Amino acid sequence: MKFGIIGAGIVGTALAVRLVEVGHECIGVHTRSRLSYERFRSYLNIGHLPLEELVPAVDILFITTQDGMIRTVAENLTNVLVKPGQVWIHCSGSLPSEILRVKESESIQCLSLHPLQAFASVEKALTILSGTHFGIEGDNEELGEGIVKDLGGIPHHILAEKKTLYHAGAVVASNYLVVLASLAVELFAEAGICGEEALASLLPLMRGSLYNLEQVGLPQALTGPVARGDVQVVRGHLDHLPPKLVEIYQCLGSKALELAENKKNLQGLSYPQDELNALKLLLKPK
């Protein structure tokens, strides 16, 4: 396929590199940032083209700008010559593909391919793009699936009307994992293990939990005092936590208790009723 890129950020650059490697032709790139274009050129010697030249020349147009600019870019393209049946693709996890359709009469196909991964740099993206899971929705999901497979990715079809929930799940798994690490480091500091020493101590524990998730899945990977029904330990935590963290601990603990009950059910077990009632009372936010 002949494709073009609008927005030469980390994702756009990495996608272009991998697609060229498997035989697709990148016609050109368009970006407002000189620095991002120079970085793009360090990977692919492709020309910077005005939209009036780039858009009519491609079969597929990737719009890999920041989420807040995607609609604006689409609106700016309404006066540019477009091939009938041309496919426009954005890579946002929260916005539906239809945000690209400014006019109902436009003969374009709208598609969204969202890499379910955190890319810190182009090099990192190129390293982990293969094996990355992608959320796909839009007019031509079969084409999207083929592109994802060309990238070495794993495609998943998602519902456009539920895409915000999909993205919220990704945020919880990625961004909020970092937040949880920060909270744990804060608690370790209270106990005398500070800064980098605290994080270095916690990372193997976090990796162990991820390993358990890979090996045995949910809810079996859950361990700890809630899973054991250790009321005294949970009460001790709540008695000593900084007040600002109590409600966070209770909300997370309530979810842990749901998982723990499911785990016991799968094992043909259940909490003693007094133990279950005590945990629910302790973990109920005030």
C-alpha atoms as a PDB file:
ATOM      1  CA  MET A   1       0.000   0.000   0.000  1.00  0.00           C
ATOM      2  CA  LYS A   2       0.990   3.627  -0.473  1.00  0.00           C
ATOM      3  CA  PHE A   3       0.617   5.501   2.782  1.00  0.00           C
ATOM      4  CA  GLY A   4       1.317   8.893   4.280  1.00  0.00           C
ATOM      5  CA  ILE A   5       1.790  10.160   7.824  1.00  0.00           C
ATOM      6  CA  ILE A   6       0.424  13.341   9.402  1.00  0.00           C
ATOM      7  CA  GLY A   7       2.197  13.823  12.710  1.00  0.00           C
ATOM      8  CA  ALA A   8       5.724  12.474  13.056  1.00  0.00           C
ATOM      9  CA  GLY A   9       5.659  11.609  16.749  1.00  0.00           C
ATOM     10  CA  ILE A  10       6.858   8.396  18.344  1.00  0.00           C
ATOM     11  CA  VAL A  11       3.900   6.279  17.189  1.00  0.00           C
ATOM     12  CA  GLY A  12       3.763   7.671  13.648  1.00  0.00           C
ATOM     13  CA  THR A  13       7.496   7.230  13.146  1.00  0.00           C
ATOM     14  CA  ALA A  14       7.547   3.677  14.497  1.00  0.00           C
ATOM     15  CA  LEU A  15       4.553   2.623  12.385  1.00  0.00           C
ATOM     16  CA  ALA A  16       6.120   4.079   9.249  1.00  0.00           C
ATOM     17  CA  VAL A  17       9.441   2.312   9.848  1.00  0.00           C
ATOM     18  CA  ARG A  18       7.858  -1.083  10.404  1.00  0.00           C
ATOM     19  CA  LEU A  19       5.440  -0.786   7.471  1.00  0.00           C
ATOM     20  CA  VAL A  20       8.262   0.180   5.101  1.00  0.00           C
ATOM     21  CA  GLU A  21      10.289  -2.779   6.362  1.00  0.00           C
ATOM     22  CA  VAL A  22       7.544  -5.204   5.309  1.00  0.00           C
ATOM     23  CA  GLY A  23       7.253  -3.674   1.834  1.00  0.00           C
ATOM     24  CA  HIS A  24       4.718  -0.846   2.003  1.00  0.00           C
ATOM     25  CA  GLU A  25       5.606   2.518   0.481  1.00  0.00           C
ATOM     26  CA  CYS A  26       5.662   5.697   2.541  1.00  0.00           C
ATOM     27  CA  ILE A  27       4.925   8.548   0.129  1.00  0.00           C
ATOM     28  CA  GLY A  28       5.615  11.365   2.547  1.00  0.00           C
ATOM     29  CA  VAL A  29       5.152  12.887   5.959  1.00  0.00           C
ATOM     30  CA  HIS A  30       3.600  16.136   7.144  1.00  0.00           C
ATOM     31  CA  THR A  31       4.295  17.675  10.544  1.00  0.00           C
ATOM     32  CA  ARG A  32       4.357  21.153  12.062  1.00  0.00           C
ATOM     33  CA  SER A  33       7.475  20.348  14.117  1.00  0.00           C
ATOM     34  CA  ARG A  34      10.885  20.624  12.507  1.00  0.00           C
ATOM     35  CA  LEU A  35      12.445  18.579  15.304  1.00  0.00           C
ATOM     36  CA  SER A  36       9.985  15.703  14.918  1.00  0.00           C
ATOM     37  CA  TYR A  37      10.570  15.677  11.159  1.00  0.00           C
ATOM     38  CA  GLU A  38      14.344  15.576  11.673  1.00  0.00           C
ATOM     39  CA  ARG A  39      13.896  12.641  14.023  1.00  0.00           C
ATOM     40  CA  PHE A  40      11.636  10.951  11.442  1.00  0.00           C
ATOM     41  CA  ARG A  41      14.267  11.507   8.729  1.00  0.00           C
ATOM     42  CA  SER A  42      16.884   9.829  10.920  1.00  0.00           C
ATOM     43  CA  TYR A  43      14.868   6.616  10.493  1.00  0.00           C
ATOM     44  CA  LEU A  44      13.358   7.042   7.011  1.00  0.00           C
ATOM     45  CA  ASN A  45      14.654   9.294   4.240  1.00  0.00           C
ATOM     46  CA  ILE A  46      11.179  10.426   3.269  1.00  0.00           C
ATOM     47  CA  GLY A  47      10.246  13.927   2.118  1.00  0.00           C
ATOM     48  CA  HIS A  48       8.119  16.436   4.001  1.00  0.00           C
ATOM     49  CA  LEU A  49       5.119  17.223   1.788  1.00  0.00           C
ATOM     50  CA  PRO A  50       2.354  19.824   1.978  1.00  0.00           C
ATOM     51  CA  LEU A  51      -1.080  18.292   2.563  1.00  0.00           C
ATOM     52  CA  GLU A  52      -2.170  19.212  -0.979  1.00  0.00           C
ATOM     53  CA  GLU A  53       0.510  16.874  -2.365  1.00  0.00           C
ATOM     54  CA  LEU A  54       0.512  14.177   0.300  1.00  0.00           C
ATOM     55  CA  VAL A  55      -3.174  13.377   0.647  1.00  0.00           C
ATOM     56  CA  PRO A  56      -4.104  12.717  -3.028  1.00  0.00           C
ATOM     57  CA  ALA A  57      -1.042  10.495  -3.462  1.00  0.00           C
ATOM     58  CA  VAL A  58      -1.822   7.865  -0.829  1.00  0.00           C
ATOM     59  CA  ASP A  59      -4.209   4.962  -0.370  1.00  0.00           C
ATOM     60  CA  ILE A  60      -3.981   5.135   3.421  1.00  0.00           C
ATOM     61  CA  LEU A  61      -3.457   8.244   5.543  1.00  0.00           C
ATOM     62  CA  PHE A  62      -2.279   7.822   9.139  1.00  0.00           C
ATOM     63  CA  ILE A  63      -3.171  10.776  11.381  1.00  0.00           C
ATOM     64  CA  THR A  64      -0.887  10.211  14.357  1.00  0.00           C
ATOM     65  CA  THR A  65      -1.130  13.585  16.058  1.00  0.00           C
ATOM     66  CA  GLN A  66      -2.087  14.145  19.697  1.00  0.00           C
ATOM     67  CA  ASP A  67      -5.716  13.224  20.409  1.00  0.00           C
ATOM     68  CA  GLY A  68      -6.793  16.840  20.740  1.00  0.00           C
ATOM     69  CA  MET A  69      -5.603  17.634  17.204  1.00  0.00           C
ATOM     70  CA  ILE A  70      -7.169  14.696  15.320  1.00  0.00           C
ATOM     71  CA  ARG A  71     -10.505  16.391  14.606  1.00  0.00           C
ATOM     72  CA  THR A  72      -8.781  19.644  13.656  1.00  0.00           C
ATOM     73  CA  VAL A  73      -6.553  17.813  11.164  1.00  0.00           C
ATOM     74  CA  ALA A  74      -9.592  16.086   9.642  1.00  0.00           C
ATOM     75  CA  GLU A  75     -11.363  19.447   9.308  1.00  0.00           C
ATOM     76  CA  ASN A  76      -8.295  20.939   7.628  1.00  0.00           C
ATOM     77  CA  LEU A  77      -8.415  18.161   5.036  1.00  0.00           C
ATOM     78  CA  THR A  78     -11.958  18.912   3.866  1.00  0.00           C
ATOM     79  CA  ASN A  79     -10.679  21.172   1.080  1.00  0.00           C
ATOM     80  CA  VAL A  80      -7.898  18.804  -0.021  1.00  0.00           C
ATOM     81  CA  LEU A  81      -8.375  16.423  -2.955  1.00  0.00           C
ATOM     82  CA  VAL A  82      -9.103  12.931  -1.616  1.00  0.00           C
ATOM     83  CA  LYS A  83      -9.090   9.610  -3.453  1.00  0.00           C
ATOM     84  CA  PRO A  84     -12.469   7.846  -3.425  1.00  0.00           C
ATOM     85  CA  GLY A  85     -12.329   5.012  -0.896  1.00  0.00           C
ATOM     86  CA  GLN A  86      -9.190   6.363   0.746  1.00  0.00           C
ATOM     87  CA  VAL A  87      -8.691   5.102   4.310  1.00  0.00           C
ATOM     88  CA  TRP A  88      -7.921   7.527   7.122  1.00  0.00           C
ATOM     89  CA  ILE A  89      -6.525   5.964  10.282  1.00  0.00           C
ATOM     90  CA  HIS A  90      -5.935   7.466  13.717  1.00  0.00           C
ATOM     91  CA  CYS A  91      -4.246   5.757  16.657  1.00  0.00           C
ATOM     92  CA  SER A  92      -6.176   7.201  19.605  1.00  0.00           C
ATOM     93  CA  GLY A  93      -7.396   4.803  22.253  1.00  0.00           C
ATOM     94  CA  SER A  94     -10.194   7.067  23.475  1.00  0.00           C
ATOM     95  CA  LEU A  95     -11.660   8.608  20.295  1.00  0.00           C
ATOM     96  CA  PRO A  96     -13.892   6.708  17.849  1.00  0.00           C
ATOM     97  CA  SER A  97     -12.821   6.389  14.238  1.00  0.00           C
ATOM     98  CA  GLU A  98     -15.837   8.451  13.141  1.00  0.00           C
ATOM     99  CA  ILE A  99     -14.218  11.606  14.518  1.00  0.00           C
ATOM    100  CA  LEU A 100     -12.337  11.659  11.212  1.00  0.00           C
ATOM    101  CA  ARG A 101     -15.553  12.008   9.208  1.00  0.00           C
ATOM    102  CA  VAL A 102     -16.245  15.729   8.997  1.00  0.00           C
ATOM    103  CA  LYS A 103     -18.777  15.460   6.166  1.00  0.00           C
ATOM    104  CA  GLU A 104     -21.161  12.557   5.684  1.00  0.00           C
ATOM    105  CA  SER A 105     -20.716  12.928   1.939  1.00  0.00           C
ATOM    106  CA  GLU A 106     -16.962  12.248   2.124  1.00  0.00           C
ATOM    107  CA  SER A 107     -15.904   9.100   0.270  1.00  0.00           C
ATOM    108  CA  ILE A 108     -13.311   8.128   2.866  1.00  0.00           C
ATOM    109  CA  GLN A 109     -13.215   5.106   5.144  1.00  0.00           C
ATOM    110  CA  CYS A 110     -12.470   5.838   8.813  1.00  0.00           C
ATOM    111  CA  LEU A 111     -10.485   3.428  10.968  1.00  0.00           C
ATOM    112  CA  SER A 112      -8.806   3.419  14.357  1.00  0.00           C
ATOM    113  CA  LEU A 113      -5.800   1.272  15.308  1.00  0.00           C
ATOM    114  CA  HIS A 114      -4.735   1.793  18.915  1.00  0.00           C
ATOM    115  CA  PRO A 115      -1.491   0.174  20.142  1.00  0.00           C
ATOM    116  CA  LEU A 116      -2.114  -1.033  23.685  1.00  0.00           C
ATOM    117  CA  GLN A 117       1.366  -0.116  24.847  1.00  0.00           C
ATOM    118  CA  ALA A 118       3.333   2.700  26.472  1.00  0.00           C
ATOM    119  CA  PHE A 119       6.026   3.954  24.078  1.00  0.00           C
ATOM    120  CA  ALA A 120       8.670   6.086  25.772  1.00  0.00           C
ATOM    121  CA  SER A 121      10.779   6.609  22.614  1.00  0.00           C
ATOM    122  CA  VAL A 122      10.947   5.613  18.957  1.00  0.00           C
ATOM    123  CA  GLU A 123      13.643   3.053  19.759  1.00  0.00           C
ATOM    124  CA  LYS A 124      11.525   1.539  22.515  1.00  0.00           C
ATOM    125  CA  ALA A 125       8.490   1.477  20.234  1.00  0.00           C
ATOM    126  CA  LEU A 126      10.433  -0.299  17.483  1.00  0.00           C
ATOM    127  CA  THR A 127      11.621  -2.871  20.018  1.00  0.00           C
ATOM    128  CA  ILE A 128       8.214  -3.752  21.463  1.00  0.00           C
ATOM    129  CA  LEU A 129       5.808  -3.027  18.582  1.00  0.00           C
ATOM    130  CA  SER A 130       5.943  -6.678  17.559  1.00  0.00           C
ATOM    131  CA  GLY A 131       3.748  -8.509  20.041  1.00  0.00           C
ATOM    132  CA  THR A 132       1.802  -5.376  20.991  1.00  0.00           C
ATOM    133  CA  HIS A 133      -1.969  -5.785  21.197  1.00  0.00           C
ATOM    134  CA  PHE A 134      -4.105  -3.337  19.165  1.00  0.00           C
ATOM    135  CA  GLY A 135      -7.705  -2.216  19.563  1.00  0.00           C
ATOM    136  CA  ILE A 136      -9.406  -1.934  16.151  1.00  0.00           C
ATOM    137  CA  GLU A 137     -12.697  -0.279  15.208  1.00  0.00           C
ATOM    138  CA  GLY A 138     -14.039   1.435  12.136  1.00  0.00           C
ATOM    139  CA  ASP A 139     -15.175   1.020   8.544  1.00  0.00           C
ATOM    140  CA  ASN A 140     -12.639  -1.520   7.315  1.00  0.00           C
ATOM    141  CA  GLU A 141     -11.606  -3.663  10.249  1.00  0.00           C
ATOM    142  CA  GLU A 142     -10.315  -6.399   7.953  1.00  0.00           C
ATOM    143  CA  LEU A 143      -7.784  -3.955   6.519  1.00  0.00           C
ATOM    144  CA  GLY A 144      -6.918  -2.824  10.037  1.00  0.00           C
ATOM    145  CA  GLU A 145      -6.316  -6.400  11.096  1.00  0.00           C
ATOM    146  CA  GLY A 146      -3.958  -6.877   8.153  1.00  0.00           C
ATOM    147  CA  ILE A 147      -1.984  -3.734   9.018  1.00  0.00           C
ATOM    148  CA  VAL A 148      -1.679  -4.804  12.650  1.00  0.00           C
ATOM    149  CA  LYS A 149      -0.384  -8.211  11.579  1.00  0.00           C
ATOM    150  CA  ASP A 150       2.115  -6.527   9.238  1.00  0.00           C
ATOM    151  CA  LEU A 151       3.340  -4.613  12.291  1.00  0.00           C
ATOM    152  CA  GLY A 152       3.754  -7.885  14.195  1.00  0.00           C
ATOM    153  CA  GLY A 153       0.860  -6.937  16.461  1.00  0.00           C
ATOM    154  CA  ILE A 154      -2.158  -8.800  17.804  1.00  0.00           C
ATOM    155  CA  PRO A 155      -5.547  -7.362  16.720  1.00  0.00           C
ATOM    156  CA  HIS A 156      -8.688  -7.105  18.857  1.00  0.00           C
ATOM    157  CA  HIS A 157     -12.005  -5.745  17.608  1.00  0.00           C
ATOM    158  CA  ILE A 158     -13.646  -3.306  20.032  1.00  0.00           C
ATOM    159  CA  LEU A 159     -17.015  -1.561  20.149  1.00  0.00           C
ATOM    160  CA  ALA A 160     -16.819   2.080  19.071  1.00  0.00           C
ATOM    161  CA  GLU A 161     -19.534   3.161  21.510  1.00  0.00           C
ATOM    162  CA  LYS A 162     -17.625   1.562  24.415  1.00  0.00           C
ATOM    163  CA  LYS A 163     -14.191   2.784  23.403  1.00  0.00           C
ATOM    164  CA  THR A 164     -13.909   5.198  26.319  1.00  0.00           C
ATOM    165  CA  LEU A 165     -14.231   2.255  28.724  1.00  0.00           C
ATOM    166  CA  TYR A 166     -11.589   0.335  26.776  1.00  0.00           C
ATOM    167  CA  HIS A 167      -9.252   3.301  27.116  1.00  0.00           C
ATOM    168  CA  ALA A 168     -10.051   3.673  30.824  1.00  0.00           C
ATOM    169  CA  GLY A 169      -9.048   0.038  31.296  1.00  0.00           C
ATOM    170  CA  ALA A 170      -5.752   0.716  29.559  1.00  0.00           C
ATOM    171  CA  VAL A 171      -5.136   3.758  31.769  1.00  0.00           C
ATOM    172  CA  VAL A 172      -5.804   1.740  34.927  1.00  0.00           C
ATOM    173  CA  ALA A 173      -3.431  -1.036  33.830  1.00  0.00           C
ATOM    174  CA  SER A 174      -0.628   1.280  32.723  1.00  0.00           C
ATOM    175  CA  ASN A 175      -0.736   4.765  34.228  1.00  0.00           C
ATOM    176  CA  TYR A 176      -2.323   3.795  37.525  1.00  0.00           C
ATOM    177  CA  LEU A 177       0.197   1.008  38.009  1.00  0.00           C
ATOM    178  CA  VAL A 178       2.777   3.796  38.230  1.00  0.00           C
ATOM    179  CA  VAL A 179       0.516   5.629  40.691  1.00  0.00           C
ATOM    180  CA  LEU A 180       0.245   2.487  42.833  1.00  0.00           C
ATOM    181  CA  ALA A 181       4.033   2.182  42.818  1.00  0.00           C
ATOM    182  CA  SER A 182       4.229   5.795  43.977  1.00  0.00           C
ATOM    183  CA  LEU A 183       1.825   5.102  46.851  1.00  0.00           C
ATOM    184  CA  ALA A 184       3.833   2.043  47.874  1.00  0.00           C
ATOM    185  CA  VAL A 185       7.063   4.085  47.804  1.00  0.00           C
ATOM    186  CA  GLU A 186       5.359   6.685  49.998  1.00  0.00           C
ATOM    187  CA  LEU A 187       4.439   4.033  52.560  1.00  0.00           C
ATOM    188  CA  PHE A 188       7.925   2.524  52.464  1.00  0.00           C
ATOM    189  CA  ALA A 189       9.336   5.992  53.167  1.00  0.00           C
ATOM    190  CA  GLU A 190       7.174   6.160  56.299  1.00  0.00           C
ATOM    191  CA  ALA A 191       8.788   2.875  57.354  1.00  0.00           C
ATOM    192  CA  GLY A 192      12.321   4.129  56.722  1.00  0.00           C
ATOM    193  CA  ILE A 193      13.047   2.876  53.179  1.00  0.00           C
ATOM    194  CA  CYS A 194      13.227   5.953  50.976  1.00  0.00           C
ATOM    195  CA  GLY A 195      13.366   7.057  47.354  1.00  0.00           C
ATOM    196  CA  GLU A 196      15.212   4.877  44.871  1.00  0.00           C
ATOM    197  CA  GLU A 197      15.873   2.247  47.529  1.00  0.00           C
ATOM    198  CA  ALA A 198      12.132   1.876  48.074  1.00  0.00           C
ATOM    199  CA  LEU A 199      11.337   1.532  44.361  1.00  0.00           C
ATOM    200  CA  ALA A 200      14.207  -0.932  43.853  1.00  0.00           C
ATOM    201  CA  SER A 201      12.792  -3.014  46.715  1.00  0.00           C
ATOM    202  CA  LEU A 202       9.260  -3.005  45.303  1.00  0.00           C
ATOM    203  CA  LEU A 203       9.948  -3.684  41.621  1.00  0.00           C
ATOM    204  CA  PRO A 204      10.773  -7.407  42.071  1.00  0.00           C
ATOM    205  CA  LEU A 205       7.535  -7.802  44.041  1.00  0.00           C
ATOM    206  CA  MET A 206       5.583  -6.091  41.261  1.00  0.00           C
ATOM    207  CA  ARG A 207       7.285  -8.246  38.627  1.00  0.00           C
ATOM    208  CA  GLY A 208       6.351 -11.316  40.663  1.00  0.00           C
ATOM    209  CA  SER A 209       2.703 -10.264  40.614  1.00  0.00           C
ATOM    210  CA  LEU A 210       2.822  -9.718  36.846  1.00  0.00           C
ATOM    211  CA  TYR A 211       4.435 -13.140  36.448  1.00  0.00           C
ATOM    212  CA  ASN A 212       1.636 -14.696  38.496  1.00  0.00           C
ATOM    213  CA  LEU A 213      -0.942 -12.967  36.300  1.00  0.00           C
ATOM    214  CA  GLU A 214       0.747 -14.391  33.193  1.00  0.00           C
ATOM    215  CA  GLN A 215       0.944 -17.881  34.653  1.00  0.00           C
ATOM    216  CA  VAL A 216      -2.388 -18.358  36.444  1.00  0.00           C
ATOM    217  CA  GLY A 217      -4.529 -15.347  35.456  1.00  0.00           C
ATOM    218  CA  LEU A 218      -7.418 -13.802  37.374  1.00  0.00           C
ATOM    219  CA  PRO A 219      -8.495 -14.233  40.115  1.00  0.00           C
ATOM    220  CA  GLN A 220      -5.921 -16.900  41.006  1.00  0.00           C
ATOM    221  CA  ALA A 221      -2.975 -14.479  40.973  1.00  0.00           C
ATOM    222  CA  LEU A 222      -4.336 -12.560  43.964  1.00  0.00           C
ATOM    223  CA  THR A 223      -2.345 -13.100  47.162  1.00  0.00           C
ATOM    224  CA  GLY A 224      -2.013 -11.206  50.451  1.00  0.00           C
ATOM    225  CA  PRO A 225      -4.017 -10.584  53.619  1.00  0.00           C
ATOM    226  CA  VAL A 226      -7.403  -9.999  51.962  1.00  0.00           C
ATOM    227  CA  ALA A 227      -7.059 -13.193  49.945  1.00  0.00           C
ATOM    228  CA  ARG A 228      -6.072 -15.053  53.138  1.00  0.00           C
ATOM    229  CA  GLY A 229      -8.878 -13.496  55.178  1.00  0.00           C
ATOM    230  CA  ASP A 230      -6.374 -12.012  57.623  1.00  0.00           C
ATOM    231  CA  VAL A 231      -8.636  -9.484  59.351  1.00  0.00           C
ATOM    232  CA  GLN A 232      -6.055  -8.421  61.935  1.00  0.00           C
ATOM    233  CA  VAL A 233      -3.463  -7.491  59.316  1.00  0.00           C
ATOM    234  CA  VAL A 234      -5.974  -5.435  57.322  1.00  0.00           C
ATOM    235  CA  ARG A 235      -7.115  -3.687  60.520  1.00  0.00           C
ATOM    236  CA  GLY A 236      -3.492  -2.929  61.372  1.00  0.00           C
ATOM    237  CA  HIS A 237      -2.930  -1.378  57.957  1.00  0.00           C
ATOM    238  CA  LEU A 238      -5.936   0.898  58.360  1.00  0.00           C
ATOM    239  CA  ASP A 239      -4.924   1.891  61.878  1.00  0.00           C
ATOM    240  CA  HIS A 240      -1.488   3.068  60.731  1.00  0.00           C
ATOM    241  CA  LEU A 241      -2.090   4.441  57.225  1.00  0.00           C
ATOM    242  CA  PRO A 242      -1.776   8.189  56.662  1.00  0.00           C
ATOM    243  CA  PRO A 243      -5.390   9.499  56.674  1.00  0.00           C
ATOM    244  CA  LYS A 244      -5.210  10.633  53.035  1.00  0.00           C
ATOM    245  CA  LEU A 245      -4.517   7.048  51.904  1.00  0.00           C
ATOM    246  CA  VAL A 246      -7.190   5.248  53.935  1.00  0.00           C
ATOM    247  CA  GLU A 247     -10.001   5.589  51.394  1.00  0.00           C
ATOM    248  CA  ILE A 248      -7.746   4.557  48.507  1.00  0.00           C
ATOM    249  CA  TYR A 249      -6.704   1.441  50.455  1.00  0.00           C
ATOM    250  CA  GLN A 250     -10.342   0.633  51.268  1.00  0.00           C
ATOM    251  CA  CYS A 251     -11.501   0.982  47.650  1.00  0.00           C
ATOM    252  CA  LEU A 252      -8.681  -1.225  46.383  1.00  0.00           C
ATOM    253  CA  GLY A 253      -9.253  -3.662  49.223  1.00  0.00           C
ATOM    254  CA  SER A 254     -12.969  -3.942  48.413  1.00  0.00           C
ATOM    255  CA  LYS A 255     -12.089  -4.902  44.853  1.00  0.00           C
ATOM    256  CA  ALA A 256      -9.504  -7.355  46.191  1.00  0.00           C
ATOM    257  CA  LEU A 257     -12.211  -8.926  48.346  1.00  0.00           C
ATOM    258  CA  GLU A 258     -14.429  -9.462  45.286  1.00  0.00           C
ATOM    259  CA  LEU A 259     -11.536 -11.187  43.518  1.00  0.00           C
ATOM    260  CA  ALA A 260     -10.727 -13.216  46.603  1.00  0.00           C
ATOM    261  CA  GLU A 261     -14.322 -14.483  46.873  1.00  0.00           C
ATOM    262  CA  ASN A 262     -14.196 -15.527  43.219  1.00  0.00           C
ATOM    263  CA  LYS A 263     -10.895 -17.288  43.825  1.00  0.00           C
ATOM    264  CA  LYS A 264     -12.305 -19.222  46.778  1.00  0.00           C
ATOM    265  CA  ASN A 265     -15.426 -20.147  44.783  1.00  0.00           C
ATOM    266  CA  LEU A 266     -13.235 -21.634  42.052  1.00  0.00           C
ATOM    267  CA  GLN A 267     -11.479 -23.661  44.743  1.00  0.00           C
ATOM    268  CA  GLY A 268     -14.774 -24.835  46.231  1.00  0.00           C
ATOM    269  CA  LEU A 269     -14.114 -22.760  49.350  1.00  0.00           C
ATOM    270  CA  SER A 270     -15.630 -19.734  51.045  1.00  0.00           C
ATOM    271  CA  TYR A 271     -14.805 -17.264  53.806  1.00  0.00           C
ATOM    272  CA  PRO A 272     -16.214 -17.947  57.274  1.00  0.00           C
ATOM    273  CA  GLN A 273     -19.164 -15.534  57.512  1.00  0.00           C
ATOM    274  CA  ASP A 274     -17.786 -13.588  60.490  1.00  0.00           C
ATOM    275  CA  GLU A 275     -14.451 -13.136  58.691  1.00  0.00           C
ATOM    276  CA  LEU A 276     -16.160 -11.956  55.499  1.00  0.00           C
ATOM    277  CA  ASN A 277     -18.371  -9.511  57.409  1.00  0.00           C
ATOM    278  CA  ALA A 278     -15.376  -8.102  59.277  1.00  0.00           C
ATOM    279  CA  LEU A 279     -13.426  -7.539  56.032  1.00  0.00           C
ATOM    280  CA  LYS A 280     -16.381  -5.879  54.328  1.00  0.00           C
ATOM    281  CA  LEU A 281     -16.846  -3.542  57.289  1.00  0.00           C
ATOM    282  CA  LEU A 282     -13.163  -2.617  57.431  1.00  0.00           C
ATOM    283  CA  LEU A 283     -12.921  -2.022  53.690  1.00  0.00           C
ATOM    284  CA  LYS A 284     -16.111   0.015  53.329  1.00  0.00           C
ATOM    285  CA  PRO A 285     -15.122   3.647  52.644  1.00  0.00           C
ATOM    286  CA  LYS A 286     -16.519   6.047  55.249  1.00  0.00           C
END
